[in-house]
Amino acid sequence: MTEAVTAVTDSCFDNFPLHRISGEVFANNPASVRVLEKSGFIFEGRLKDNVVKEGQVLDSLLYARTM
């Protein structure tokens, strides 16, 4: 999955006039956190009570990668 995220992110930066790409993951999903971090994304903050999944209110984590 890390290779796919890296490839898509690189392609977006190469083919579109983007400066920044951001992504959010559920705070209780360490595998997704690892994928973003290994793909060069930097942690920017925690969004408290930001999403509802199966009736449960969860925090999400905001990550971003800049050109």
N, C-alpha and C. Protein backbone atom coordinates (compact mmCIF):
# COMPACT_ATOMS: atom_id res chain seq x y z
N MET A 1 0.81 -1.19 0.00
CA MET A 1 0.00 0.00 0.00
C MET A 1 0.86 1.26 0.00
N THR A 2 1.98 1.22 0.71
CA THR A 2 2.87 2.39 0.76
C THR A 2 3.35 2.77 -0.63
N GLU A 3 3.72 1.77 -1.42
CA GLU A 3 4.19 2.05 -2.78
C GLU A 3 3.11 2.71 -3.61
N ALA A 4 1.87 2.27 -3.46
CA ALA A 4 0.76 2.86 -4.22
C ALA A 4 0.52 4.31 -3.81
N VAL A 5 0.50 4.57 -2.52
CA VAL A 5 0.28 5.95 -2.04
C VAL A 5 1.42 6.86 -2.51
N THR A 6 2.64 6.39 -2.42
CA THR A 6 3.78 7.17 -2.88
C THR A 6 3.69 7.44 -4.37
N ALA A 7 3.36 6.42 -5.15
CA ALA A 7 3.28 6.57 -6.61
C ALA A 7 2.18 7.55 -7.01
N VAL A 8 1.02 7.44 -6.39
CA VAL A 8 -0.09 8.35 -6.72
C VAL A 8 0.25 9.78 -6.30
N THR A 9 0.83 9.94 -5.13
CA THR A 9 1.20 11.27 -4.66
C THR A 9 2.24 11.90 -5.58
N ASP A 10 3.27 11.15 -5.92
CA ASP A 10 4.30 11.65 -6.83
C ASP A 10 3.70 12.03 -8.18
N SER A 11 2.81 11.19 -8.70
CA SER A 11 2.16 11.46 -9.98
C SER A 11 1.33 12.74 -9.92
N CYS A 12 0.62 12.94 -8.82
CA CYS A 12 -0.17 14.17 -8.67
C CYS A 12 0.72 15.40 -8.68
N PHE A 13 1.83 15.35 -7.95
CA PHE A 13 2.75 16.48 -7.93
C PHE A 13 3.38 16.71 -9.30
N ASP A 14 3.65 15.63 -10.04
CA ASP A 14 4.28 15.75 -11.35
C ASP A 14 3.33 16.27 -12.42
N ASN A 15 2.03 15.97 -12.29
CA ASN A 15 1.09 16.24 -13.38
C ASN A 15 0.08 17.35 -13.11
N PHE A 16 0.05 17.86 -11.91
CA PHE A 16 -0.90 18.91 -11.56
C PHE A 16 -0.18 20.01 -10.80
N PRO A 17 -0.68 21.24 -10.89
CA PRO A 17 -0.02 22.35 -10.19
C PRO A 17 -0.37 22.37 -8.70
N LEU A 18 0.03 21.33 -8.00
CA LEU A 18 -0.27 21.20 -6.58
C LEU A 18 0.96 21.57 -5.75
N HIS A 19 0.70 22.14 -4.60
CA HIS A 19 1.78 22.43 -3.65
C HIS A 19 1.69 21.51 -2.43
N ARG A 20 0.45 21.06 -2.13
CA ARG A 20 0.21 20.30 -0.90
C ARG A 20 -0.88 19.27 -1.12
N ILE A 21 -0.67 18.09 -0.54
CA ILE A 21 -1.69 17.04 -0.55
C ILE A 21 -1.87 16.61 0.90
N SER A 22 -3.13 16.52 1.33
CA SER A 22 -3.38 16.13 2.71
C SER A 22 -4.23 14.87 2.76
N GLY A 23 -4.17 14.20 3.88
CA GLY A 23 -4.97 13.00 4.09
C GLY A 23 -5.32 12.85 5.56
N GLU A 24 -6.48 12.26 5.80
CA GLU A 24 -6.92 11.99 7.17
C GLU A 24 -7.08 10.49 7.36
N VAL A 25 -6.72 10.02 8.53
CA VAL A 25 -6.92 8.61 8.89
C VAL A 25 -7.57 8.54 10.26
N PHE A 26 -8.27 7.44 10.52
CA PHE A 26 -8.82 7.22 11.85
C PHE A 26 -7.67 7.13 12.85
N ALA A 27 -7.82 7.76 14.00
CA ALA A 27 -6.75 7.77 15.01
C ALA A 27 -6.44 6.37 15.53
N ASN A 28 -7.40 5.46 15.44
CA ASN A 28 -7.19 4.10 15.95
C ASN A 28 -6.73 3.14 14.86
N ASN A 29 -6.12 3.67 13.79
CA ASN A 29 -5.66 2.83 12.68
C ASN A 29 -4.15 3.05 12.46
N PRO A 30 -3.31 2.40 13.26
CA PRO A 30 -1.87 2.63 13.15
C PRO A 30 -1.28 2.18 11.81
N ALA A 31 -1.89 1.21 11.15
CA ALA A 31 -1.37 0.77 9.85
C ALA A 31 -1.49 1.89 8.82
N SER A 32 -2.60 2.60 8.82
CA SER A 32 -2.76 3.72 7.89
C SER A 32 -1.81 4.86 8.21
N VAL A 33 -1.58 5.09 9.49
CA VAL A 33 -0.60 6.11 9.91
C VAL A 33 0.77 5.76 9.35
N ARG A 34 1.17 4.51 9.47
CA ARG A 34 2.48 4.07 8.98
C ARG A 34 2.60 4.27 7.47
N VAL A 35 1.54 3.95 6.74
CA VAL A 35 1.57 4.12 5.28
C VAL A 35 1.83 5.58 4.93
N LEU A 36 1.08 6.49 5.54
CA LEU A 36 1.28 7.90 5.23
C LEU A 36 2.67 8.38 5.62
N GLU A 37 3.13 8.00 6.79
CA GLU A 37 4.46 8.43 7.24
C GLU A 37 5.56 7.88 6.33
N LYS A 38 5.45 6.62 5.93
CA LYS A 38 6.46 6.03 5.04
C LYS A 38 6.40 6.64 3.64
N SER A 39 5.26 7.26 3.30
CA SER A 39 5.10 7.91 2.00
C SER A 39 5.49 9.38 2.04
N GLY A 40 6.05 9.82 3.16
CA GLY A 40 6.54 11.19 3.25
C GLY A 40 5.56 12.20 3.81
N PHE A 41 4.43 11.76 4.29
CA PHE A 41 3.45 12.66 4.89
C PHE A 41 3.87 12.99 6.32
N ILE A 42 3.60 14.22 6.74
CA ILE A 42 3.97 14.71 8.06
C ILE A 42 2.71 14.94 8.88
N PHE A 43 2.74 14.50 10.14
CA PHE A 43 1.61 14.69 11.04
C PHE A 43 1.41 16.17 11.32
N GLU A 44 0.16 16.65 11.15
CA GLU A 44 -0.15 18.06 11.39
C GLU A 44 -1.09 18.27 12.57
N GLY A 45 -1.86 17.26 12.93
CA GLY A 45 -2.74 17.47 14.08
C GLY A 45 -3.82 16.41 14.21
N ARG A 46 -4.47 16.46 15.36
CA ARG A 46 -5.57 15.55 15.68
C ARG A 46 -6.87 16.34 15.61
N LEU A 47 -7.86 15.80 14.91
CA LEU A 47 -9.18 16.41 14.82
C LEU A 47 -10.10 15.62 15.75
N LYS A 48 -10.43 16.23 16.88
CA LYS A 48 -11.21 15.55 17.92
C LYS A 48 -12.65 15.33 17.46
N ASP A 49 -13.15 14.11 17.74
CA ASP A 49 -14.55 13.77 17.46
C ASP A 49 -14.95 14.18 16.04
N ASN A 50 -14.12 13.87 15.08
CA ASN A 50 -14.27 14.36 13.71
C ASN A 50 -15.10 13.46 12.81
N VAL A 51 -15.16 12.18 13.11
CA VAL A 51 -15.86 11.24 12.23
C VAL A 51 -16.72 10.29 13.05
N VAL A 52 -17.73 9.74 12.38
CA VAL A 52 -18.56 8.71 13.00
C VAL A 52 -18.42 7.45 12.16
N LYS A 53 -18.03 6.36 12.81
CA LYS A 53 -17.88 5.08 12.13
C LYS A 53 -18.66 4.04 12.92
N GLU A 54 -19.65 3.47 12.26
CA GLU A 54 -20.48 2.44 12.89
C GLU A 54 -21.04 2.92 14.23
N GLY A 55 -21.49 4.17 14.26
CA GLY A 55 -22.09 4.73 15.46
C GLY A 55 -21.12 5.22 16.51
N GLN A 56 -19.84 5.06 16.28
CA GLN A 56 -18.83 5.48 17.26
C GLN A 56 -18.15 6.76 16.77
N VAL A 57 -18.07 7.75 17.65
CA VAL A 57 -17.41 9.01 17.32
C VAL A 57 -15.91 8.84 17.54
N LEU A 58 -15.13 9.16 16.52
CA LEU A 58 -13.68 8.94 16.56
C LEU A 58 -12.92 10.21 16.20
N ASP A 59 -11.69 10.28 16.68
CA ASP A 59 -10.76 11.32 16.24
C ASP A 59 -10.17 10.89 14.90
N SER A 60 -9.75 11.88 14.12
CA SER A 60 -8.97 11.57 12.93
C SER A 60 -7.65 12.33 13.03
N LEU A 61 -6.67 11.83 12.31
CA LEU A 61 -5.34 12.43 12.30
C LEU A 61 -5.10 13.03 10.93
N LEU A 62 -4.61 14.26 10.91
CA LEU A 62 -4.36 14.97 9.66
C LEU A 62 -2.87 14.89 9.32
N TYR A 63 -2.60 14.45 8.11
CA TYR A 63 -1.23 14.37 7.59
C TYR A 63 -1.17 15.14 6.28
N ALA A 64 -0.01 15.66 5.93
CA ALA A 64 0.15 16.37 4.67
C ALA A 64 1.56 16.18 4.14
N ARG A 65 1.65 16.31 2.83
CA ARG A 65 2.94 16.26 2.14
C ARG A 65 2.98 17.45 1.20
N THR A 66 4.07 18.20 1.23
CA THR A 66 4.21 19.34 0.34
C THR A 66 5.26 19.06 -0.72
N MET A 67 5.18 19.81 -1.78
CA MET A 67 6.08 19.66 -2.92
C MET A 67 7.50 19.89 -2.50
